[in-house]
Amino acid sequence: MRLSYIINAISLVMMCVGLVLLAPVAVALIYNDSTSVFPFLSAAVIASGLGYLLRKLIPKSSRLDNLNDIKKSEGLFIVAASWLIFALIAAIPYPYFGLSPIDSLFEATSGITTTGATILTSFDFPKAFFFWRSFTQWLGGMGIIVMFIAILPQFAVAGRQMFFAEAPGPTEDKFTPRVRNTASILWKLYVGLTLLLILCLTSTGMPLFDSVCNALSTISAGGFSPHEHSILGYGLPSATWIITVFMIIAGTNFNLQYKILQKKNPLLLFKDDEFKTYLGFILFAGAILTALLMAGEHYINFDAIRHAFFQIVSLMTSSGFASADYTKWSSAGKLVLFIAIFFGSCASSAGGGIKITRWLLVCKIMKNEIIKILHPNAVIPVKYNNKAVPADVLRQIIIFIVQYFLIIAISSVIISLLENNHVLGFTAAVTALGNVGPAFGQIGPMGSFENLHTATKITLILNMLIGRLELIPFLVMLNPEFWQIKKD
C-alpha cells in the first residue's frame, strides 16, 4: 500500500466530515442554543485541521490530483480507516454533554453504523445533540464513502474500489457505467425518500424537529429517536404505519428502487428473487406474531397487526425502533422477532444483517448438493434472478456466513463472561454485528447499554464496525501482507 495515496484519501474524508459537523451547529443556532455551538464547532475545526495537517506533513499526498490507479488493498484500507476515523470524530462533541469517552465512542459508533444501540438513560439534552445522533445514522446509512465518491472529483474513477468495499451485499451490482454517477443517483434517491418521510410524519401531528430526526433514522434503518420511548412515545398510530412502510423501503435494494423509478414499472419488484422473499417473510412472520399477540398478549385486532408488523420490519431491517416493549411479550413472540433479526434485509439497502440474498443462495447450494447425491454427474448451476452465479461469489458467501457466526460465537463468550449473563452476551453480540441495536432484557428497546462493562462496550463497538463493513475489509486486514506500506 502507498502511504501518500492513503493519506490523500483519508485527509479528504476528515475535512469533509469537518464540514458535515456544521449541520448541528446550524440546528443549535436555529433553536438559540449557544451552549451547543462550541462542542460541534470545535469538532469541525479538529477534523478539518487534522485533515489539512496530514496533507501537508506527508510528502506527495497533497500533490495528488486524483486517485485513479488506487489498488484494491488500498481501497479496503481507506474504507475501514474512514469509518474508524468518522466514529472518533463523531464522538468528539459528546463529552461536552456529560458522556464518558467510552460512552461517547459507543454512541458515535452506534450512530454511524446505524446500529441504534444507546447508552442514554436520560433524554434531557439539547436538540442539536439529538439531531447529530440521527444525522450520523443518516450519513452512515448510505455510506460515507459513497457520499464522498458522489461529491469529490478525486474519487471519480478510484471510487470503484472503495464503493464495492463499502456497499452492503454479496454482489457488485451497479446500474450506470460510472461509479460516481451511481453514487450520485443513490444519494438523490436517499434524499428524496427522506424529505418525503418528513412531510408524511409532520402530517400526522408529530413535531417538525422530531419528524426530521425520526425520518433521518428511518431511511437509514438506524433507530435513534429523540423520544426516550422511541416511536411508542408519540402515541400516533398513523406515524407507526408510515414508518413501517418506509422501513420496508429502507430495507429494499436501492439499486432496484432506482430501476423501478427509471422504467416506471413497480412490477419489477416482483421479478426480483430477493424482494419476493423479503416481502414474503414480512407477511408470514407478521401474521404469526399478530396471532400470538392476539392470543397471548390480549391486543385488539388492529393494535396487534400494527405492533406485530412494525416490530418484525424494525428488527428485520435492523432499524431498531419500538412501538411497544416487546421484551414483555411471550417467549414465542420474542422467538419470531429473533428469527427476523437473523433473516436480515436486502443487499444494497440501508439495512444490516446477513442479507436475504446470501440466505437464498445458501439454500440453493444446499438443494443442489442434495440433488448431486442422487445424480453425481449432474451439472446444476446456482441461479439468482435467472442468472448463473459465479463459483467465486458462492464461495465468498459461504466463507462470509461461517466467519459471521464465528465472530458471534467469540463475542458472545467474551460478553457472557464479562456480564455473567449468557442471554445478554448472545443477543448483544448478534444485534451489534447485525447493526440492529436493541436486543432483549436490560438492553431491550426501552433499555440502555450504559451499565455494561467497559470491555463489553469495546467488544460491541468492534462488532458494530465489522458488521457495517460486512466483514471483508476486516478479514483482509488480518493478513500480514496487507500491512506492507510503501512511501510512494
Protein backbone atom coordinates (compact mmCIF):
# COMPACT_ATOMS: atom_id res chain seq x y z
CA MET A 1 0.00 0.00 0.00
CA ARG A 2 1.19 3.51 -0.84
CA LEU A 3 1.11 5.87 2.10
CA SER A 4 0.69 9.04 0.02
CA TYR A 5 -2.48 7.70 -1.64
CA ILE A 6 -3.97 6.58 1.67
CA ILE A 7 -3.23 9.89 3.41
CA ASN A 8 -4.63 11.83 0.46
CA ALA A 9 -7.96 10.00 0.62
CA ILE A 10 -8.25 9.93 4.43
CA SER A 11 -7.40 13.63 4.77
CA LEU A 12 -10.14 14.48 2.26
CA VAL A 13 -12.60 12.40 4.27
CA MET A 14 -11.60 14.15 7.51
CA MET A 15 -12.03 17.60 6.02
CA CYS A 16 -15.44 16.66 4.62
CA VAL A 17 -16.56 15.25 7.98
CA GLY A 18 -15.47 18.58 9.47
CA LEU A 19 -17.85 20.38 7.12
CA VAL A 20 -20.66 17.94 7.97
CA LEU A 21 -20.29 18.88 11.65
CA LEU A 22 -21.52 22.37 10.82
CA ALA A 23 -25.04 20.97 10.38
CA PRO A 24 -25.70 20.53 14.15
CA VAL A 25 -24.13 23.97 14.66
CA ALA A 26 -26.85 25.38 12.39
CA VAL A 27 -29.50 23.49 14.38
CA ALA A 28 -28.15 24.94 17.63
CA LEU A 29 -28.32 28.46 16.18
CA ILE A 30 -31.87 27.93 14.87
CA TYR A 31 -33.04 26.96 18.37
CA ASN A 32 -31.00 29.75 20.06
CA ASP A 33 -28.86 27.19 21.88
CA SER A 34 -25.49 28.94 22.06
CA THR A 35 -24.05 26.38 24.52
CA SER A 36 -24.28 23.61 21.89
CA VAL A 37 -22.38 25.54 19.23
CA PHE A 38 -18.91 25.07 20.72
CA PRO A 39 -18.92 21.23 21.00
CA PHE A 40 -19.75 20.74 17.34
CA LEU A 41 -17.75 23.69 16.06
CA SER A 42 -14.65 22.50 17.93
CA ALA A 43 -15.09 19.01 16.47
CA ALA A 44 -15.38 20.53 13.00
CA VAL A 45 -12.17 22.50 13.49
CA ILE A 46 -10.32 19.46 14.86
CA ALA A 47 -11.40 17.21 11.99
CA SER A 48 -10.68 19.73 9.24
CA GLY A 49 -7.43 20.87 10.87
CA LEU A 50 -6.05 17.35 11.27
CA GLY A 51 -7.03 16.52 7.70
CA TYR A 52 -5.21 19.60 6.42
CA LEU A 53 -2.12 18.86 8.53
CA LEU A 54 -1.95 15.28 7.23
CA ARG A 55 -1.85 16.53 3.66
CA LYS A 56 0.97 18.93 4.49
CA LEU A 57 3.06 16.61 6.66
CA ILE A 58 3.09 13.56 4.36
CA PRO A 59 5.20 14.19 1.24
CA LYS A 60 3.44 13.97 -2.14
CA SER A 61 -0.03 13.35 -0.68
CA SER A 62 -1.19 16.92 -1.22
CA ARG A 63 0.11 16.91 -4.80
CA LEU A 64 -2.09 14.01 -5.93
CA ASP A 65 -4.79 15.40 -8.22
CA ASN A 66 -6.67 12.11 -8.32
CA LEU A 67 -6.58 8.54 -7.06
CA ASN A 68 -7.33 6.80 -10.34
CA ASP A 69 -4.79 4.00 -10.02
CA ILE A 70 -5.64 3.08 -6.44
CA LYS A 71 -5.27 -0.63 -5.65
CA LYS A 72 -7.93 -2.87 -4.16
CA SER A 73 -6.00 -3.32 -0.90
CA GLU A 74 -5.65 0.46 -0.61
CA GLY A 75 -9.36 0.91 -1.23
CA LEU A 76 -10.23 -1.58 1.50
CA PHE A 77 -7.91 0.13 3.96
CA ILE A 78 -9.25 3.60 3.15
CA VAL A 79 -12.83 2.44 3.70
CA ALA A 80 -12.04 0.75 7.04
CA ALA A 81 -9.90 3.68 8.24
CA SER A 82 -12.51 6.23 7.16
CA TRP A 83 -15.22 4.54 9.22
CA LEU A 84 -13.00 4.34 12.29
CA ILE A 85 -11.96 8.00 11.92
CA PHE A 86 -15.57 9.02 11.37
CA ALA A 87 -16.53 7.27 14.62
CA LEU A 88 -13.76 9.04 16.54
CA ILE A 89 -14.66 12.45 15.12
CA ALA A 90 -18.40 11.90 15.63
CA ALA A 91 -17.68 11.15 19.30
CA ILE A 92 -15.84 14.44 19.97
CA PRO A 93 -18.94 16.55 20.83
CA TYR A 94 -20.50 14.02 23.25
CA PRO A 95 -18.16 14.54 26.26
CA TYR A 96 -19.26 18.18 26.31
CA PHE A 97 -22.75 16.89 27.17
CA GLY A 98 -21.53 14.73 30.06
CA LEU A 99 -20.81 11.39 28.36
CA SER A 100 -17.64 9.48 29.26
CA PRO A 101 -15.07 8.90 26.50
CA ILE A 102 -16.00 5.22 26.02
CA ASP A 103 -19.73 6.02 26.09
CA SER A 104 -19.14 8.80 23.56
CA LEU A 105 -17.36 6.41 21.21
CA PHE A 106 -20.06 3.79 21.71
CA GLU A 107 -22.88 6.26 20.90
CA ALA A 108 -20.98 7.64 17.91
CA THR A 109 -20.17 4.19 16.51
CA SER A 110 -23.75 3.06 17.05
CA GLY A 111 -24.82 6.14 15.12
CA ILE A 112 -22.58 5.93 12.06
CA THR A 113 -23.08 2.16 11.71
CA THR A 114 -26.89 2.68 12.01
CA THR A 115 -26.99 0.22 14.90
CA GLY A 116 -29.17 2.29 17.21
CA ALA A 117 -27.89 0.85 20.50
CA THR A 118 -27.70 3.65 23.04
CA ILE A 119 -26.05 4.29 26.38
CA LEU A 120 -28.52 7.07 27.22
CA THR A 121 -30.64 6.68 30.33
CA SER A 122 -31.82 10.31 30.32
CA PHE A 123 -33.04 12.24 27.29
CA ASP A 124 -32.55 15.69 28.79
CA PHE A 125 -30.25 17.01 26.07
CA PRO A 126 -30.37 19.91 23.58
CA LYS A 127 -31.91 19.50 20.14
CA ALA A 128 -28.52 19.74 18.41
CA PHE A 129 -27.42 16.66 20.36
CA PHE A 130 -30.37 14.58 19.13
CA PHE A 131 -30.05 15.92 15.61
CA TRP A 132 -26.40 14.84 15.49
CA ARG A 133 -27.30 11.32 16.67
CA SER A 134 -29.86 10.91 13.87
CA PHE A 135 -27.73 12.72 11.30
CA THR A 136 -24.78 10.38 11.86
CA GLN A 137 -27.14 7.46 11.18
CA TRP A 138 -28.39 9.10 8.00
CA LEU A 139 -24.83 9.62 6.77
CA GLY A 140 -23.87 6.05 7.66
CA GLY A 141 -27.00 4.52 6.12
CA MET A 142 -25.99 5.12 2.53
CA GLY A 143 -22.28 5.14 3.36
CA ILE A 144 -19.84 7.98 3.86
CA ILE A 145 -17.56 6.75 1.09
CA VAL A 146 -20.50 6.61 -1.34
CA MET A 147 -21.22 10.23 -0.42
CA PHE A 148 -17.63 11.33 -1.00
CA ILE A 149 -17.49 9.48 -4.32
CA ALA A 150 -20.57 11.43 -5.39
CA ILE A 151 -19.17 14.87 -4.48
CA LEU A 152 -15.36 14.65 -4.70
CA PRO A 153 -13.78 14.66 -8.19
CA GLN A 154 -10.65 12.94 -6.80
CA PHE A 155 -12.73 9.76 -6.34
CA ALA A 156 -14.31 9.85 -9.80
CA VAL A 157 -12.50 6.74 -11.07
CA ALA A 158 -10.81 5.34 -7.98
CA GLY A 159 -14.15 5.23 -6.23
CA ARG A 160 -14.93 1.83 -7.75
CA GLN A 161 -12.55 0.02 -5.39
CA MET A 162 -13.94 1.84 -2.35
CA PHE A 163 -17.57 1.74 -3.50
CA PHE A 164 -17.65 -2.05 -3.57
CA ALA A 165 -15.61 -2.31 -0.37
CA GLU A 166 -18.30 -0.34 1.44
CA ALA A 167 -21.53 -1.25 -0.42
CA PRO A 168 -23.52 -3.83 1.56
CA GLY A 169 -24.36 -7.10 -0.14
CA PRO A 170 -22.65 -10.03 -1.87
CA THR A 171 -22.88 -8.75 -5.45
CA GLU A 172 -21.23 -5.87 -7.29
CA ASP A 173 -24.46 -4.51 -8.75
CA LYS A 174 -24.17 -1.12 -10.38
CA PHE A 175 -26.52 0.38 -12.88
CA THR A 176 -24.58 3.18 -14.59
CA PRO A 177 -21.27 2.95 -16.45
CA ARG A 178 -19.51 5.20 -13.94
CA VAL A 179 -19.44 4.53 -10.21
CA ARG A 180 -19.59 8.25 -9.45
CA ASN A 181 -22.86 8.51 -11.35
CA THR A 182 -24.16 5.51 -9.41
CA ALA A 183 -23.21 7.12 -6.09
CA SER A 184 -24.85 10.40 -7.10
CA ILE A 185 -28.08 8.66 -8.14
CA LEU A 186 -28.22 6.67 -4.90
CA TRP A 187 -27.86 9.81 -2.81
CA LYS A 188 -30.56 11.67 -4.78
CA LEU A 189 -32.95 8.78 -4.16
CA TYR A 190 -31.94 8.69 -0.48
CA VAL A 191 -32.51 12.43 0.00
CA GLY A 192 -35.82 12.31 -1.85
CA LEU A 193 -37.16 9.50 0.35
CA THR A 194 -36.03 11.37 3.48
CA LEU A 195 -37.84 14.57 2.50
CA LEU A 196 -40.99 12.63 1.62
CA LEU A 197 -40.97 10.89 5.01
CA ILE A 198 -40.53 14.20 6.86
CA LEU A 199 -43.65 15.54 5.13
CA CYS A 200 -45.60 12.37 5.93
CA LEU A 201 -44.65 12.41 9.62
CA THR A 202 -45.45 16.09 10.13
CA SER A 203 -48.88 15.45 8.59
CA THR A 204 -49.62 13.01 11.45
CA GLY A 205 -49.09 15.69 14.10
CA MET A 206 -45.52 14.76 15.02
CA PRO A 207 -43.45 17.90 15.79
CA LEU A 208 -41.24 19.06 12.92
CA PHE A 209 -37.95 18.52 14.74
CA ASP A 210 -38.94 15.01 15.80
CA SER A 211 -40.16 14.30 12.25
CA VAL A 212 -36.76 15.28 10.86
CA CYS A 213 -34.80 13.17 13.37
CA ASN A 214 -37.06 10.13 13.02
CA ALA A 215 -37.01 10.41 9.22
CA LEU A 216 -33.20 10.51 9.19
CA SER A 217 -33.09 7.43 11.41
CA THR A 218 -35.81 5.57 9.47
CA ILE A 219 -34.43 5.93 5.94
CA SER A 220 -31.01 4.88 7.25
CA ALA A 221 -32.52 1.90 9.13
CA GLY A 222 -30.87 3.35 12.22
CA GLY A 223 -33.42 3.60 15.02
CA PHE A 224 -32.26 6.61 17.07
CA SER A 225 -35.23 8.72 18.15
CA PRO A 226 -35.30 11.96 20.15
CA HIS A 227 -38.07 10.44 22.28
CA GLU A 228 -36.96 8.24 25.18
CA HIS A 229 -39.72 5.71 24.40
CA SER A 230 -38.95 5.58 20.68
CA ILE A 231 -41.98 5.67 18.36
CA LEU A 232 -44.17 4.32 21.17
CA GLY A 233 -43.77 7.64 22.98
CA TYR A 234 -45.63 9.67 20.35
CA GLY A 235 -48.87 7.70 20.59
CA LEU A 236 -49.54 8.20 16.87
CA PRO A 237 -50.78 5.00 15.16
CA SER A 238 -50.68 6.69 11.74
CA ALA A 239 -46.99 7.58 12.23
CA THR A 240 -46.31 3.97 13.20
CA TRP A 241 -47.77 2.71 9.92
CA ILE A 242 -45.92 5.35 7.88
CA ILE A 243 -42.59 4.45 9.49
CA THR A 244 -43.31 0.76 8.89
CA VAL A 245 -43.72 1.41 5.16
CA PHE A 246 -40.55 3.50 4.96
CA MET A 247 -38.55 0.94 6.96
CA ILE A 248 -39.56 -1.63 4.35
CA ILE A 249 -38.31 0.79 1.67
CA ALA A 250 -35.06 1.33 3.61
CA GLY A 251 -34.53 -2.44 3.69
CA THR A 252 -35.15 -2.80 -0.05
CA ASN A 253 -32.29 -2.79 -2.57
CA PHE A 254 -31.72 0.86 -3.57
CA ASN A 255 -30.48 -0.22 -7.00
CA LEU A 256 -33.79 -2.00 -7.58
CA GLN A 257 -35.71 1.07 -6.41
CA TYR A 258 -33.87 3.25 -8.91
CA LYS A 259 -34.59 0.84 -11.76
CA ILE A 260 -38.29 0.93 -10.88
CA LEU A 261 -38.31 4.75 -10.95
CA GLN A 262 -36.28 4.83 -14.15
CA LYS A 263 -38.52 2.36 -16.01
CA LYS A 264 -41.72 3.41 -14.17
CA ASN A 265 -42.60 -0.22 -13.61
CA PRO A 266 -43.39 -1.26 -9.99
CA LEU A 267 -43.88 -4.86 -11.16
CA LEU A 268 -40.09 -5.17 -11.36
CA LEU A 269 -40.20 -5.65 -7.59
CA PHE A 270 -41.96 -8.96 -8.02
CA LYS A 271 -39.47 -10.21 -10.59
CA ASP A 272 -36.65 -9.95 -8.07
CA ASP A 273 -36.00 -13.14 -6.07
CA GLU A 274 -34.69 -11.29 -3.05
CA PHE A 275 -37.57 -8.80 -2.75
CA LYS A 276 -40.18 -11.55 -3.12
CA THR A 277 -38.53 -13.48 -0.28
CA TYR A 278 -38.15 -10.28 1.78
CA LEU A 279 -41.80 -9.29 1.46
CA GLY A 280 -42.98 -12.88 1.86
CA PHE A 281 -41.15 -13.27 5.17
CA ILE A 282 -42.53 -9.95 6.47
CA LEU A 283 -46.09 -11.05 5.70
CA PHE A 284 -45.59 -14.56 7.07
CA ALA A 285 -43.78 -13.56 10.27
CA GLY A 286 -46.13 -10.60 10.78
CA ALA A 287 -49.17 -12.86 10.55
CA ILE A 288 -47.73 -15.34 13.06
CA LEU A 289 -46.78 -12.59 15.51
CA THR A 290 -50.20 -10.96 15.13
CA ALA A 291 -51.87 -14.24 16.11
CA LEU A 292 -49.54 -14.63 19.09
CA LEU A 293 -50.24 -11.08 20.31
CA MET A 294 -53.99 -11.52 19.98
CA ALA A 295 -53.93 -14.85 21.78
CA GLY A 296 -51.34 -14.29 24.50
CA GLU A 297 -50.95 -10.53 24.93
CA HIS A 298 -54.63 -9.62 24.56
CA TYR A 299 -54.10 -6.91 21.94
CA ILE A 300 -57.19 -5.95 19.97
CA ASN A 301 -57.10 -6.73 16.23
CA PHE A 302 -55.70 -3.53 14.73
CA ASP A 303 -53.23 -2.90 17.56
CA ALA A 304 -51.93 -6.48 17.25
CA ILE A 305 -51.44 -6.08 13.49
CA ARG A 306 -49.76 -2.68 13.87
CA HIS A 307 -47.31 -3.70 16.61
CA ALA A 308 -46.56 -7.10 15.05
CA PHE A 309 -45.67 -5.78 11.61
CA PHE A 310 -43.86 -2.73 12.98
CA GLN A 311 -41.56 -4.83 15.18
CA ILE A 312 -40.95 -7.50 12.54
CA VAL A 313 -39.95 -4.87 9.98
CA SER A 314 -37.98 -2.83 12.54
CA LEU A 315 -35.77 -5.74 13.63
CA MET A 316 -35.58 -7.42 10.23
CA THR A 317 -34.30 -4.21 8.59
CA SER A 318 -32.02 -3.56 11.61
CA SER A 319 -33.82 -0.26 12.31
CA GLY A 320 -34.37 -1.00 16.00
CA PHE A 321 -37.35 1.32 16.54
CA ALA A 322 -40.02 0.25 19.05
CA SER A 323 -43.78 0.70 19.01
CA ALA A 324 -44.10 -1.46 22.15
CA ASP A 325 -41.84 -3.01 24.78
CA TYR A 326 -41.53 -6.41 23.10
CA THR A 327 -39.37 -7.76 25.96
CA LYS A 328 -42.67 -8.21 27.85
CA TRP A 329 -44.13 -10.41 25.12
CA SER A 330 -44.28 -14.21 25.31
CA SER A 331 -41.27 -16.40 24.56
CA ALA A 332 -42.87 -17.45 21.28
CA GLY A 333 -43.29 -13.82 20.20
CA LYS A 334 -39.69 -12.97 21.08
CA LEU A 335 -38.50 -16.05 19.15
CA VAL A 336 -40.26 -14.81 15.99
CA LEU A 337 -38.56 -11.42 16.40
CA PHE A 338 -35.17 -13.05 16.94
CA ILE A 339 -35.56 -15.07 13.73
CA ALA A 340 -36.39 -11.80 11.91
CA ILE A 341 -33.09 -10.33 13.16
CA PHE A 342 -31.15 -13.23 11.61
CA PHE A 343 -33.13 -13.12 8.37
CA GLY A 344 -31.98 -9.59 7.60
CA SER A 345 -32.81 -7.13 4.83
CA CYS A 346 -31.95 -6.87 1.14
CA ALA A 347 -28.47 -6.39 -0.30
CA SER A 348 -27.51 -2.80 -1.26
CA SER A 349 -30.03 -1.41 1.21
CA ALA A 350 -29.61 0.63 4.37
CA GLY A 351 -30.41 -2.44 6.48
CA GLY A 352 -27.90 -4.69 8.20
CA GLY A 353 -27.68 -8.38 8.96
CA ILE A 354 -26.57 -11.30 6.82
CA LYS A 355 -28.82 -10.20 3.91
CA ILE A 356 -31.54 -12.26 2.24
CA THR A 357 -29.52 -12.78 -0.94
CA ARG A 358 -26.95 -14.80 0.99
CA TRP A 359 -29.59 -16.96 2.65
CA LEU A 360 -31.26 -17.59 -0.72
CA LEU A 361 -28.01 -18.66 -2.35
CA VAL A 362 -27.01 -20.85 0.60
CA CYS A 363 -30.37 -22.65 0.38
CA LYS A 364 -29.88 -23.15 -3.36
CA ILE A 365 -26.36 -24.51 -2.79
CA MET A 366 -27.73 -26.99 -0.23
CA LYS A 367 -30.52 -28.03 -2.61
CA ASN A 368 -28.03 -28.62 -5.43
CA GLU A 369 -25.77 -30.67 -3.18
CA ILE A 370 -28.70 -32.91 -2.21
CA ILE A 371 -29.57 -33.41 -5.89
CA LYS A 372 -25.94 -34.29 -6.66
CA ILE A 373 -26.05 -37.07 -4.08
CA LEU A 374 -28.74 -38.72 -6.21
CA HIS A 375 -27.23 -37.64 -9.54
CA PRO A 376 -23.42 -37.39 -9.08
CA ASN A 377 -22.73 -36.42 -12.70
CA ALA A 378 -25.32 -33.67 -12.87
CA VAL A 379 -24.13 -30.12 -13.56
CA ILE A 380 -26.60 -27.78 -11.88
CA PRO A 381 -25.74 -24.08 -11.80
CA VAL A 382 -26.92 -21.97 -8.89
CA LYS A 383 -29.15 -19.26 -10.33
CA TYR A 384 -30.26 -15.94 -8.93
CA ASN A 385 -32.84 -13.91 -10.88
CA ASN A 386 -32.47 -16.46 -13.70
CA LYS A 387 -28.72 -15.83 -13.98
CA ALA A 388 -25.98 -18.29 -13.02
CA VAL A 389 -23.99 -17.13 -10.00
CA PRO A 390 -20.16 -17.40 -10.40
CA ALA A 391 -18.46 -20.01 -8.23
CA ASP A 392 -16.21 -17.43 -6.56
CA VAL A 393 -19.25 -15.44 -5.38
CA LEU A 394 -20.79 -18.60 -3.89
CA ARG A 395 -17.52 -19.42 -2.16
CA GLN A 396 -17.30 -15.91 -0.68
CA ILE A 397 -20.86 -16.16 0.63
CA ILE A 398 -20.17 -19.44 2.42
CA ILE A 399 -16.98 -18.01 3.93
CA PHE A 400 -18.87 -14.86 4.95
CA ILE A 401 -21.57 -16.78 6.82
CA VAL A 402 -19.06 -19.07 8.56
CA GLN A 403 -16.99 -16.07 9.68
CA TYR A 404 -20.14 -14.19 10.69
CA PHE A 405 -21.22 -16.90 13.10
CA LEU A 406 -17.64 -17.36 14.32
CA ILE A 407 -17.47 -13.69 15.31
CA ILE A 408 -20.85 -14.01 17.06
CA ALA A 409 -19.61 -17.06 18.97
CA ILE A 410 -16.37 -15.38 20.10
CA SER A 411 -18.14 -12.13 21.04
CA SER A 412 -20.88 -13.99 22.89
CA VAL A 413 -18.36 -15.85 25.04
CA ILE A 414 -16.43 -12.68 25.87
CA ILE A 415 -19.55 -10.67 26.77
CA SER A 416 -21.15 -13.55 28.68
CA LEU A 417 -18.05 -13.91 30.85
CA LEU A 418 -17.80 -10.17 31.43
CA GLU A 419 -21.50 -9.70 32.25
CA ASN A 420 -22.12 -13.14 33.80
CA ASN A 421 -25.23 -13.37 31.61
CA HIS A 422 -25.24 -15.71 28.60
CA VAL A 423 -28.56 -14.42 27.21
CA LEU A 424 -27.30 -10.85 27.24
CA GLY A 425 -23.98 -11.97 25.78
CA PHE A 426 -25.51 -13.80 22.82
CA THR A 427 -28.24 -11.30 21.97
CA ALA A 428 -25.93 -8.29 22.32
CA ALA A 429 -23.34 -9.87 20.03
CA VAL A 430 -25.98 -10.73 17.42
CA THR A 431 -27.65 -7.32 17.40
CA ALA A 432 -24.34 -5.42 17.36
CA LEU A 433 -22.86 -7.41 14.48
CA GLY A 434 -26.18 -7.20 12.61
CA ASN A 435 -26.35 -3.43 13.32
CA VAL A 436 -29.80 -3.92 14.87
CA GLY A 437 -29.22 -2.22 18.22
CA PRO A 438 -31.78 -3.09 20.89
CA ALA A 439 -31.81 -6.71 21.99
CA PHE A 440 -33.63 -8.33 24.91
CA GLY A 441 -33.61 -7.97 28.68
CA GLN A 442 -31.84 -4.93 30.10
CA ILE A 443 -30.70 -3.89 26.61
CA GLY A 444 -34.18 -4.12 25.13
CA PRO A 445 -35.95 -1.29 23.26
CA MET A 446 -36.55 0.72 26.45
CA GLY A 447 -33.21 -0.24 28.00
CA SER A 448 -29.68 1.09 27.84
CA PHE A 449 -26.16 -0.24 27.30
CA GLU A 450 -24.71 2.23 29.82
CA ASN A 451 -24.22 -0.18 32.71
CA LEU A 452 -22.28 -2.76 30.70
CA HIS A 453 -18.59 -3.42 31.40
CA THR A 454 -16.15 -1.19 29.51
CA ALA A 455 -14.63 -4.24 27.78
CA THR A 456 -18.15 -5.28 26.71
CA LYS A 457 -18.70 -1.87 25.12
CA ILE A 458 -15.37 -2.11 23.29
CA THR A 459 -16.31 -5.59 22.01
CA LEU A 460 -19.67 -4.27 20.79
CA ILE A 461 -18.02 -1.25 19.14
CA LEU A 462 -15.80 -3.63 17.14
CA ASN A 463 -18.82 -5.77 16.26
CA MET A 464 -20.74 -2.75 15.02
CA LEU A 465 -17.88 -1.61 12.77
CA ILE A 466 -17.23 -5.13 11.47
CA GLY A 467 -20.92 -5.62 10.77
CA ARG A 468 -21.25 -2.33 8.89
CA LEU A 469 -18.21 -3.12 6.75
CA GLU A 470 -19.64 -6.61 6.13
CA LEU A 471 -16.54 -8.42 7.42
CA ILE A 472 -14.50 -8.38 4.18
CA PRO A 473 -12.21 -5.37 4.91
CA PHE A 474 -11.80 -6.67 8.47
CA LEU A 475 -10.87 -10.20 7.34
CA VAL A 476 -8.45 -8.92 4.70
CA MET A 477 -6.65 -6.82 7.29
CA LEU A 478 -5.86 -9.96 9.30
CA ASN A 479 -3.44 -10.97 6.53
CA PRO A 480 0.14 -9.73 7.29
CA GLU A 481 0.74 -8.99 3.59
CA PHE A 482 -1.98 -6.36 3.77
CA TRP A 483 0.19 -4.17 6.01
CA GLN A 484 3.14 -3.75 3.62
CA ILE A 485 3.32 0.04 3.49
CA LYS A 486 5.17 1.91 0.77
CA LYS A 487 6.01 5.61 0.97
CA ASP A 488 5.31 6.21 -2.73
